[in-house]
């Protein structure tokens, strides 16, 4: 039974099913906060697109010596490479009919996001000396990831709803969630610091060190709370308490270095904050 549990857990986490569920939860968070009816088509699209993109990011950058990689995720993913390729192809094919059922505005934004994502994965830029991708530009990596996430799970549901919502409300939500995504992405850069140094990638942890990167994450979380408290004219509602609880939990995880040696710390606990934020909001709405 224990082996079966860990097999299922590894498939869900390391096969990028869970991060796709995180994207779905964040889109549903936007719908719930703004009082919009969820779109099954867009939610399915975001789930499959996230799954496909994260799988492709691993397949495109298959590391040398993956069988002995220090990361359990890498070892698992390429030990089941054929299965993950099949899942990725299936998700990619399923995205095609879903894409053409979306509005033209959404199609344009999604096309832009796809171009940016490919430019992040592939070395499409060239200099006289070498080719490079967006991820090779110093300090850009985590901000690019956070921007794509914020556009995908905040802006797309708003555009899909075609409902008149005050721009200030949308901007506040976008910025607050963007800051949260940067704080989480920064922790993954801390994890990958030595690998990124070997690949000559300029991330904030490789430039300034892990301690300053952790401090930056905490400061970003404080900024996120400040945005909710000061700029949200709806007062201290359920969203505030759900976000505050999630941020406190995330800060506790960042400040607990012993947890970072666990293989599931990043992909279950850190990413899980994105699901917890939505689930806590639902719980508070139900209780009240």
C-alpha atoms as a PDB file:
ATOM      1  CA  UNK A   1       0.000   0.000   0.000  1.00  0.00           C
ATOM      2  CA  UNK A   2       2.839   2.393   0.869  1.00  0.00           C
ATOM      3  CA  UNK A   3       4.572   1.686  -2.447  1.00  0.00           C
ATOM      4  CA  UNK A   4       1.321   2.265  -4.334  1.00  0.00           C
ATOM      5  CA  UNK A   5       0.846   5.587  -2.524  1.00  0.00           C
ATOM      6  CA  UNK A   6       4.331   6.831  -3.405  1.00  0.00           C
ATOM      7  CA  UNK A   7       3.961   5.671  -7.008  1.00  0.00           C
ATOM      8  CA  UNK A   8       0.772   7.706  -7.302  1.00  0.00           C
ATOM      9  CA  UNK A   9       2.366  10.676  -5.526  1.00  0.00           C
ATOM     10  CA  UNK A  10       5.433  10.602  -7.772  1.00  0.00           C
ATOM     11  CA  UNK A  11       3.273  10.400 -10.881  1.00  0.00           C
ATOM     12  CA  UNK A  12       1.168  13.350  -9.733  1.00  0.00           C
ATOM     13  CA  UNK A  13       4.051  15.563  -8.632  1.00  0.00           C
ATOM     14  CA  UNK A  14       6.922  14.656 -10.925  1.00  0.00           C
ATOM     15  CA  UNK A  15       4.669  14.093 -13.943  1.00  0.00           C
ATOM     16  CA  UNK A  16       3.522  17.737 -13.532  1.00  0.00           C
ATOM     17  CA  UNK A  17      -0.115  16.820 -12.907  1.00  0.00           C
ATOM     18  CA  UNK A  18      -0.063  18.685  -9.605  1.00  0.00           C
ATOM     19  CA  UNK A  19       1.361  21.933 -10.994  1.00  0.00           C
ATOM     20  CA  UNK A  20      -1.363  21.812 -13.652  1.00  0.00           C
ATOM     21  CA  UNK A  21      -3.914  21.468 -10.839  1.00  0.00           C
ATOM     22  CA  UNK A  22      -2.291  24.498  -9.185  1.00  0.00           C
ATOM     23  CA  UNK A  23      -2.912  26.541 -12.343  1.00  0.00           C
ATOM     24  CA  UNK A  24      -6.517  25.336 -12.379  1.00  0.00           C
ATOM     25  CA  UNK A  25      -6.954  26.278  -8.700  1.00  0.00           C
ATOM     26  CA  UNK A  26      -5.565  29.769  -9.319  1.00  0.00           C
ATOM     27  CA  UNK A  27      -7.902  30.331 -12.267  1.00  0.00           C
ATOM     28  CA  UNK A  28     -10.849  29.215 -10.115  1.00  0.00           C
ATOM     29  CA  UNK A  29      -9.595  31.609  -7.427  1.00  0.00           C
ATOM     30  CA  UNK A  30      -9.935  34.479  -9.910  1.00  0.00           C
ATOM     31  CA  UNK A  31     -13.437  33.400 -10.904  1.00  0.00           C
ATOM     32  CA  UNK A  32     -14.494  33.136  -7.252  1.00  0.00           C
ATOM     33  CA  UNK A  33     -13.014  36.475  -6.169  1.00  0.00           C
ATOM     34  CA  UNK A  34     -14.542  38.413  -9.040  1.00  0.00           C
ATOM     35  CA  UNK A  35     -17.881  36.608  -8.865  1.00  0.00           C
ATOM     36  CA  UNK A  36     -17.577  35.185 -12.370  1.00  0.00           C
ATOM     37  CA  UNK A  37     -18.976  31.869 -13.624  1.00  0.00           C
ATOM     38  CA  UNK A  38     -16.082  29.483 -14.386  1.00  0.00           C
ATOM     39  CA  UNK A  39     -15.503  28.435 -17.978  1.00  0.00           C
ATOM     40  CA  UNK A  40     -14.941  24.695 -18.303  1.00  0.00           C
ATOM     41  CA  UNK A  41     -13.225  25.213 -21.657  1.00  0.00           C
ATOM     42  CA  UNK A  42     -10.701  27.746 -20.368  1.00  0.00           C
ATOM     43  CA  UNK A  43     -10.068  25.771 -17.162  1.00  0.00           C
ATOM     44  CA  UNK A  44      -9.408  22.609 -19.190  1.00  0.00           C
ATOM     45  CA  UNK A  45      -7.153  24.590 -21.533  1.00  0.00           C
ATOM     46  CA  UNK A  46      -5.098  26.047 -18.665  1.00  0.00           C
ATOM     47  CA  UNK A  47      -4.723  22.629 -17.031  1.00  0.00           C
ATOM     48  CA  UNK A  48      -3.547  20.926 -20.234  1.00  0.00           C
ATOM     49  CA  UNK A  49      -1.355  23.844 -21.350  1.00  0.00           C
ATOM     50  CA  UNK A  50       0.447  23.924 -17.991  1.00  0.00           C
ATOM     51  CA  UNK A  51       0.964  20.164 -18.062  1.00  0.00           C
ATOM     52  CA  UNK A  52       2.256  20.286 -21.632  1.00  0.00           C
ATOM     53  CA  UNK A  53       4.591  23.242 -21.060  1.00  0.00           C
ATOM     54  CA  UNK A  54       6.177  21.883 -17.888  1.00  0.00           C
ATOM     55  CA  UNK A  55       6.721  18.489 -19.483  1.00  0.00           C
ATOM     56  CA  UNK A  56       8.266  20.124 -22.544  1.00  0.00           C
ATOM     57  CA  UNK A  57      10.597  22.169 -20.340  1.00  0.00           C
ATOM     58  CA  UNK A  58      12.030  18.899 -19.018  1.00  0.00           C
ATOM     59  CA  UNK A  59      12.125  17.132 -22.366  1.00  0.00           C
ATOM     60  CA  UNK A  60      13.892  20.034 -24.095  1.00  0.00           C
ATOM     61  CA  UNK A  61      16.529  20.251 -21.361  1.00  0.00           C
ATOM     62  CA  UNK A  62      17.136  16.567 -20.723  1.00  0.00           C
ATOM     63  CA  UNK A  63      20.184  16.651 -18.445  1.00  0.00           C
ATOM     64  CA  UNK A  64      23.242  14.538 -19.060  1.00  0.00           C
ATOM     65  CA  UNK A  65      23.489  11.760 -16.498  1.00  0.00           C
ATOM     66  CA  UNK A  66      19.822  12.054 -15.522  1.00  0.00           C
ATOM     67  CA  UNK A  67      19.849   8.539 -14.053  1.00  0.00           C
ATOM     68  CA  UNK A  68      22.134   9.721 -11.262  1.00  0.00           C
ATOM     69  CA  UNK A  69      20.661  13.219 -10.901  1.00  0.00           C
ATOM     70  CA  UNK A  70      20.446  14.610  -7.369  1.00  0.00           C
ATOM     71  CA  UNK A  71      16.824  15.541  -8.094  1.00  0.00           C
ATOM     72  CA  UNK A  72      14.315  12.747  -7.623  1.00  0.00           C
ATOM     73  CA  UNK A  73      11.957  14.451 -10.057  1.00  0.00           C
ATOM     74  CA  UNK A  74      14.492  14.240 -12.883  1.00  0.00           C
ATOM     75  CA  UNK A  75      15.253  10.587 -12.188  1.00  0.00           C
ATOM     76  CA  UNK A  76      11.553   9.677 -12.094  1.00  0.00           C
ATOM     77  CA  UNK A  77      10.576  11.715 -15.156  1.00  0.00           C
ATOM     78  CA  UNK A  78      13.145  10.193 -17.484  1.00  0.00           C
ATOM     79  CA  UNK A  79      12.751   6.711 -16.033  1.00  0.00           C
ATOM     80  CA  UNK A  80       9.163   7.027 -17.358  1.00  0.00           C
ATOM     81  CA  UNK A  81      10.068   9.080 -20.406  1.00  0.00           C
ATOM     82  CA  UNK A  82       7.844   7.262 -22.918  1.00  0.00           C
ATOM     83  CA  UNK A  83       4.801   7.626 -20.662  1.00  0.00           C
ATOM     84  CA  UNK A  84       5.488  11.345 -20.169  1.00  0.00           C
ATOM     85  CA  UNK A  85       5.971  11.894 -23.899  1.00  0.00           C
ATOM     86  CA  UNK A  86       2.625  10.173 -24.544  1.00  0.00           C
ATOM     87  CA  UNK A  87       0.901  12.332 -21.934  1.00  0.00           C
ATOM     88  CA  UNK A  88       2.494  15.470 -23.374  1.00  0.00           C
ATOM     89  CA  UNK A  89       1.428  14.636 -26.942  1.00  0.00           C
ATOM     90  CA  UNK A  90      -2.096  13.795 -25.799  1.00  0.00           C
ATOM     91  CA  UNK A  91      -2.348  17.070 -23.861  1.00  0.00           C
ATOM     92  CA  UNK A  92      -0.985  19.007 -26.839  1.00  0.00           C
ATOM     93  CA  UNK A  93      -3.491  17.466 -29.258  1.00  0.00           C
ATOM     94  CA  UNK A  94      -6.362  18.102 -26.834  1.00  0.00           C
ATOM     95  CA  UNK A  95      -5.398  21.783 -26.680  1.00  0.00           C
ATOM     96  CA  UNK A  96      -6.081  22.299 -30.406  1.00  0.00           C
ATOM     97  CA  UNK A  97      -9.904  21.949 -30.401  1.00  0.00           C
ATOM     98  CA  UNK A  98     -10.118  23.773 -27.065  1.00  0.00           C
ATOM     99  CA  UNK A  99      -8.111  26.688 -28.468  1.00  0.00           C
ATOM    100  CA  UNK A 100     -10.509  27.230 -31.362  1.00  0.00           C
ATOM    101  CA  UNK A 101     -13.531  27.341 -29.051  1.00  0.00           C
ATOM    102  CA  UNK A 102     -12.085  30.361 -27.204  1.00  0.00           C
ATOM    103  CA  UNK A 103     -12.761  33.969 -28.174  1.00  0.00           C
ATOM    104  CA  UNK A 104     -10.435  35.786 -30.560  1.00  0.00           C
ATOM    105  CA  UNK A 105      -9.077  37.993 -27.774  1.00  0.00           C
ATOM    106  CA  UNK A 106      -8.127  34.956 -25.702  1.00  0.00           C
ATOM    107  CA  UNK A 107      -6.558  33.290 -28.737  1.00  0.00           C
ATOM    108  CA  UNK A 108      -4.348  36.345 -29.343  1.00  0.00           C
ATOM    109  CA  UNK A 109      -3.192  36.504 -25.704  1.00  0.00           C
ATOM    110  CA  UNK A 110      -2.583  32.735 -25.573  1.00  0.00           C
ATOM    111  CA  UNK A 111      -0.614  32.911 -28.819  1.00  0.00           C
ATOM    112  CA  UNK A 112       1.553  35.641 -27.275  1.00  0.00           C
ATOM    113  CA  UNK A 113       2.087  33.525 -24.145  1.00  0.00           C
ATOM    114  CA  UNK A 114       3.018  30.523 -26.313  1.00  0.00           C
ATOM    115  CA  UNK A 115       5.628  32.581 -28.184  1.00  0.00           C
ATOM    116  CA  UNK A 116       7.118  33.844 -24.917  1.00  0.00           C
ATOM    117  CA  UNK A 117       7.152  30.318 -23.453  1.00  0.00           C
ATOM    118  CA  UNK A 118       8.903  28.901 -26.515  1.00  0.00           C
ATOM    119  CA  UNK A 119      11.417  31.752 -26.424  1.00  0.00           C
ATOM    120  CA  UNK A 120      12.029  30.814 -22.798  1.00  0.00           C
ATOM    121  CA  UNK A 121      12.605  27.141 -23.631  1.00  0.00           C
ATOM    122  CA  UNK A 122      14.426  27.314 -26.957  1.00  0.00           C
ATOM    123  CA  UNK A 123      17.617  29.204 -27.936  1.00  0.00           C
ATOM    124  CA  UNK A 124      15.900  31.366 -30.560  1.00  0.00           C
ATOM    125  CA  UNK A 125      18.149  34.410 -30.043  1.00  0.00           C
ATOM    126  CA  UNK A 126      21.641  34.615 -31.468  1.00  0.00           C
ATOM    127  CA  UNK A 127      24.748  36.692 -31.025  1.00  0.00           C
ATOM    128  CA  UNK A 128      28.039  36.396 -32.851  1.00  0.00           C
ATOM    129  CA  UNK A 129      29.280  34.004 -30.160  1.00  0.00           C
ATOM    130  CA  UNK A 130      26.294  31.839 -29.182  1.00  0.00           C
ATOM    131  CA  UNK A 131      22.569  31.138 -29.221  1.00  0.00           C
ATOM    132  CA  UNK A 132      20.466  31.737 -26.129  1.00  0.00           C
ATOM    133  CA  UNK A 133      16.894  31.733 -24.800  1.00  0.00           C
ATOM    134  CA  UNK A 134      15.072  34.172 -22.525  1.00  0.00           C
ATOM    135  CA  UNK A 135      15.998  32.063 -19.500  1.00  0.00           C
ATOM    136  CA  UNK A 136      19.672  32.914 -20.139  1.00  0.00           C
ATOM    137  CA  UNK A 137      19.089  36.649 -19.641  1.00  0.00           C
ATOM    138  CA  UNK A 138      20.319  37.638 -16.168  1.00  0.00           C
ATOM    139  CA  UNK A 139      17.542  37.940 -13.567  1.00  0.00           C
ATOM    140  CA  UNK A 140      14.717  37.518 -16.083  1.00  0.00           C
ATOM    141  CA  UNK A 141      13.789  33.885 -15.406  1.00  0.00           C
ATOM    142  CA  UNK A 142      11.530  34.136 -12.365  1.00  0.00           C
ATOM    143  CA  UNK A 143       9.855  37.385 -13.443  1.00  0.00           C
ATOM    144  CA  UNK A 144       9.036  35.841 -16.805  1.00  0.00           C
ATOM    145  CA  UNK A 145       7.544  32.740 -15.149  1.00  0.00           C
ATOM    146  CA  UNK A 146       5.494  34.866 -12.726  1.00  0.00           C
ATOM    147  CA  UNK A 147       4.247  37.107 -15.553  1.00  0.00           C
ATOM    148  CA  UNK A 148       3.071  34.167 -17.658  1.00  0.00           C
ATOM    149  CA  UNK A 149       1.331  32.654 -14.627  1.00  0.00           C
ATOM    150  CA  UNK A 150      -0.370  35.925 -13.651  1.00  0.00           C
ATOM    151  CA  UNK A 151      -1.596  36.583 -17.186  1.00  0.00           C
ATOM    152  CA  UNK A 152      -2.810  32.992 -17.569  1.00  0.00           C
ATOM    153  CA  UNK A 153      -4.752  32.591 -14.323  1.00  0.00           C
ATOM    154  CA  UNK A 154      -5.874  36.178 -13.657  1.00  0.00           C
ATOM    155  CA  UNK A 155      -6.180  38.014 -16.962  1.00  0.00           C
ATOM    156  CA  UNK A 156      -7.474  35.151 -19.144  1.00  0.00           C
ATOM    157  CA  UNK A 157     -10.488  34.345 -16.902  1.00  0.00           C
ATOM    158  CA  UNK A 158     -11.368  38.058 -16.850  1.00  0.00           C
ATOM    159  CA  UNK A 159     -11.141  38.350 -20.636  1.00  0.00           C
ATOM    160  CA  UNK A 160     -13.110  35.137 -21.082  1.00  0.00           C
ATOM    161  CA  UNK A 161     -15.972  36.364 -18.891  1.00  0.00           C
ATOM    162  CA  UNK A 162     -16.542  39.468 -21.056  1.00  0.00           C
ATOM    163  CA  UNK A 163     -17.947  41.114 -17.920  1.00  0.00           C
ATOM    164  CA  UNK A 164     -17.370  44.724 -16.970  1.00  0.00           C
ATOM    165  CA  UNK A 165     -15.091  44.653 -13.914  1.00  0.00           C
ATOM    166  CA  UNK A 166     -13.357  47.757 -12.486  1.00  0.00           C
ATOM    167  CA  UNK A 167      -9.824  47.923 -13.851  1.00  0.00           C
ATOM    168  CA  UNK A 168      -8.444  48.812 -10.424  1.00  0.00           C
ATOM    169  CA  UNK A 169      -9.769  45.556  -8.977  1.00  0.00           C
ATOM    170  CA  UNK A 170      -8.193  43.510 -11.757  1.00  0.00           C
ATOM    171  CA  UNK A 171      -4.846  45.307 -11.513  1.00  0.00           C
ATOM    172  CA  UNK A 172      -4.663  44.845  -7.732  1.00  0.00           C
ATOM    173  CA  UNK A 173      -5.415  41.137  -8.012  1.00  0.00           C
ATOM    174  CA  UNK A 174      -2.895  40.742 -10.852  1.00  0.00           C
ATOM    175  CA  UNK A 175      -0.094  42.508  -8.962  1.00  0.00           C
ATOM    176  CA  UNK A 176      -0.801  40.698  -5.691  1.00  0.00           C
ATOM    177  CA  UNK A 177      -0.744  37.274  -7.312  1.00  0.00           C
ATOM    178  CA  UNK A 178       2.279  38.199  -9.445  1.00  0.00           C
ATOM    179  CA  UNK A 179       4.262  39.054  -6.313  1.00  0.00           C
ATOM    180  CA  UNK A 180       3.226  35.731  -4.745  1.00  0.00           C
ATOM    181  CA  UNK A 181       4.357  33.813  -7.852  1.00  0.00           C
ATOM    182  CA  UNK A 182       7.727  35.596  -7.848  1.00  0.00           C
ATOM    183  CA  UNK A 183       8.260  34.639  -4.189  1.00  0.00           C
ATOM    184  CA  UNK A 184       7.533  30.971  -4.939  1.00  0.00           C
ATOM    185  CA  UNK A 185       9.567  30.894  -8.172  1.00  0.00           C
ATOM    186  CA  UNK A 186      12.510  32.447  -6.333  1.00  0.00           C
ATOM    187  CA  UNK A 187      12.616  29.439  -4.011  1.00  0.00           C
ATOM    188  CA  UNK A 188      12.954  27.110  -6.992  1.00  0.00           C
ATOM    189  CA  UNK A 189      15.865  29.258  -8.180  1.00  0.00           C
ATOM    190  CA  UNK A 190      17.452  28.754  -4.756  1.00  0.00           C
ATOM    191  CA  UNK A 191      17.066  25.002  -5.166  1.00  0.00           C
ATOM    192  CA  UNK A 192      18.591  25.093  -8.657  1.00  0.00           C
ATOM    193  CA  UNK A 193      21.354  27.528  -7.729  1.00  0.00           C
ATOM    194  CA  UNK A 194      24.315  25.193  -8.175  1.00  0.00           C
ATOM    195  CA  UNK A 195      22.861  23.626 -11.318  1.00  0.00           C
ATOM    196  CA  UNK A 196      22.226  27.101 -12.777  1.00  0.00           C
ATOM    197  CA  UNK A 197      25.781  28.128 -11.954  1.00  0.00           C
ATOM    198  CA  UNK A 198      27.070  25.100 -13.875  1.00  0.00           C
ATOM    199  CA  UNK A 199      24.853  26.113 -16.812  1.00  0.00           C
ATOM    200  CA  UNK A 200      26.042  29.733 -16.470  1.00  0.00           C
ATOM    201  CA  UNK A 201      22.482  30.963 -15.863  1.00  0.00           C
ATOM    202  CA  UNK A 202      22.282  34.318 -14.073  1.00  0.00           C
ATOM    203  CA  UNK A 203      19.509  34.048 -11.479  1.00  0.00           C
ATOM    204  CA  UNK A 204      19.118  36.096  -8.304  1.00  0.00           C
ATOM    205  CA  UNK A 205      20.438  33.289  -6.054  1.00  0.00           C
ATOM    206  CA  UNK A 206      23.488  32.689  -8.278  1.00  0.00           C
ATOM    207  CA  UNK A 207      24.244  36.428  -8.245  1.00  0.00           C
ATOM    208  CA  UNK A 208      23.458  37.330  -4.622  1.00  0.00           C
ATOM    209  CA  UNK A 209      23.381  33.979  -2.810  1.00  0.00           C
ATOM    210  CA  UNK A 210      20.704  31.822  -1.179  1.00  0.00           C
ATOM    211  CA  UNK A 211      20.354  33.853   2.059  1.00  0.00           C
ATOM    212  CA  UNK A 212      19.600  37.101   0.234  1.00  0.00           C
ATOM    213  CA  UNK A 213      17.227  35.245  -2.096  1.00  0.00           C
ATOM    214  CA  UNK A 214      15.321  33.846   0.904  1.00  0.00           C
ATOM    215  CA  UNK A 215      15.170  37.322   2.425  1.00  0.00           C
ATOM    216  CA  UNK A 216      13.841  38.659  -0.875  1.00  0.00           C
ATOM    217  CA  UNK A 217      11.087  36.014  -0.825  1.00  0.00           C
ATOM    218  CA  UNK A 218      10.012  37.081   2.669  1.00  0.00           C
ATOM    219  CA  UNK A 219       9.994  40.756   1.636  1.00  0.00           C
ATOM    220  CA  UNK A 220       7.862  39.891  -1.403  1.00  0.00           C
ATOM    221  CA  UNK A 221       5.388  38.079   0.832  1.00  0.00           C
ATOM    222  CA  UNK A 222       5.153  41.151   3.083  1.00  0.00           C
ATOM    223  CA  UNK A 223       4.515  43.279   0.003  1.00  0.00           C
ATOM    224  CA  UNK A 224       1.789  40.864  -1.034  1.00  0.00           C
ATOM    225  CA  UNK A 225       0.062  41.285   2.351  1.00  0.00           C
ATOM    226  CA  UNK A 226       0.486  45.076   2.100  1.00  0.00           C
ATOM    227  CA  UNK A 227      -1.226  45.100  -1.301  1.00  0.00           C
ATOM    228  CA  UNK A 228      -4.204  43.145   0.016  1.00  0.00           C
ATOM    229  CA  UNK A 229      -4.597  45.262   3.181  1.00  0.00           C
ATOM    230  CA  UNK A 230      -3.892  48.768   1.881  1.00  0.00           C
ATOM    231  CA  UNK A 231      -5.039  48.740  -1.715  1.00  0.00           C
ATOM    232  CA  UNK A 232      -8.044  46.417  -1.591  1.00  0.00           C
ATOM    233  CA  UNK A 233     -11.102  48.610  -0.984  1.00  0.00           C
ATOM    234  CA  UNK A 234     -13.247  45.580  -0.161  1.00  0.00           C
ATOM    235  CA  UNK A 235     -11.763  45.466   3.314  1.00  0.00           C
ATOM    236  CA  UNK A 236     -10.523  42.486   5.286  1.00  0.00           C
ATOM    237  CA  UNK A 237     -12.682  39.861   3.610  1.00  0.00           C
ATOM    238  CA  UNK A 238     -12.284  36.155   2.995  1.00  0.00           C
ATOM    239  CA  UNK A 239      -9.673  36.723   0.301  1.00  0.00           C
ATOM    240  CA  UNK A 240      -7.476  38.584   2.779  1.00  0.00           C
ATOM    241  CA  UNK A 241      -7.635  35.809   5.355  1.00  0.00           C
ATOM    242  CA  UNK A 242      -7.100  33.074   2.756  1.00  0.00           C
ATOM    243  CA  UNK A 243      -4.108  34.912   1.313  1.00  0.00           C
ATOM    244  CA  UNK A 244      -2.682  35.803   4.730  1.00  0.00           C
ATOM    245  CA  UNK A 245      -2.898  32.183   5.913  1.00  0.00           C
ATOM    246  CA  UNK A 246      -1.242  30.970   2.707  1.00  0.00           C
ATOM    247  CA  UNK A 247       1.535  33.565   2.981  1.00  0.00           C
ATOM    248  CA  UNK A 248       2.217  32.727   6.634  1.00  0.00           C
ATOM    249  CA  UNK A 249       2.464  29.054   5.725  1.00  0.00           C
ATOM    250  CA  UNK A 250       4.767  29.846   2.807  1.00  0.00           C
ATOM    251  CA  UNK A 251       6.980  32.053   5.003  1.00  0.00           C
ATOM    252  CA  UNK A 252       7.209  29.234   7.535  1.00  0.00           C
ATOM    253  CA  UNK A 253       8.319  26.828   4.810  1.00  0.00           C
ATOM    254  CA  UNK A 254      10.971  29.253   3.567  1.00  0.00           C
ATOM    255  CA  UNK A 255      12.333  29.767   7.071  1.00  0.00           C
ATOM    256  CA  UNK A 256      12.461  26.014   7.785  1.00  0.00           C
ATOM    257  CA  UNK A 257      15.654  24.962   5.957  1.00  0.00           C
ATOM    258  CA  UNK A 258      15.554  21.333   7.145  1.00  0.00           C
ATOM    259  CA  UNK A 259      12.439  20.730   5.033  1.00  0.00           C
ATOM    260  CA  UNK A 260      14.316  21.670   1.865  1.00  0.00           C
ATOM    261  CA  UNK A 261      16.208  18.388   1.938  1.00  0.00           C
ATOM    262  CA  UNK A 262      12.949  16.533   1.347  1.00  0.00           C
ATOM    263  CA  UNK A 263      12.266  15.567  -2.275  1.00  0.00           C
ATOM    264  CA  UNK A 264       8.623  16.605  -1.977  1.00  0.00           C
ATOM    265  CA  UNK A 265       9.234  20.011  -0.361  1.00  0.00           C
ATOM    266  CA  UNK A 266       9.169  22.062  -3.547  1.00  0.00           C
ATOM    267  CA  UNK A 267       6.611  20.243  -5.670  1.00  0.00           C
ATOM    268  CA  UNK A 268       4.081  19.418  -2.950  1.00  0.00           C
ATOM    269  CA  UNK A 269       4.488  22.038  -0.220  1.00  0.00           C
ATOM    270  CA  UNK A 270       5.616  25.177  -2.069  1.00  0.00           C
ATOM    271  CA  UNK A 271       3.457  24.680  -5.150  1.00  0.00           C
ATOM    272  CA  UNK A 272       0.689  23.430  -2.890  1.00  0.00           C
ATOM    273  CA  UNK A 273       0.308  26.969  -1.512  1.00  0.00           C
ATOM    274  CA  UNK A 274      -1.457  27.827  -4.787  1.00  0.00           C
ATOM    275  CA  UNK A 275      -4.086  25.167  -4.110  1.00  0.00           C
ATOM    276  CA  UNK A 276      -4.321  25.960  -0.400  1.00  0.00           C
ATOM    277  CA  UNK A 277      -5.058  29.625  -1.107  1.00  0.00           C
ATOM    278  CA  UNK A 278      -8.089  28.646  -3.178  1.00  0.00           C
ATOM    279  CA  UNK A 279      -9.266  25.904  -0.815  1.00  0.00           C
ATOM    280  CA  UNK A 280      -9.061  28.207   2.223  1.00  0.00           C
ATOM    281  CA  UNK A 281     -11.057  30.846   0.343  1.00  0.00           C
ATOM    282  CA  UNK A 282     -13.756  28.263  -0.419  1.00  0.00           C
ATOM    283  CA  UNK A 283     -13.762  27.166   3.220  1.00  0.00           C
ATOM    284  CA  UNK A 284     -14.178  30.725   4.530  1.00  0.00           C
ATOM    285  CA  UNK A 285     -16.928  31.442   1.977  1.00  0.00           C
ATOM    286  CA  UNK A 286     -18.726  28.274   3.072  1.00  0.00           C
ATOM    287  CA  UNK A 287     -18.409  29.046   6.787  1.00  0.00           C
ATOM    288  CA  UNK A 288     -19.632  32.623   6.394  1.00  0.00           C
END
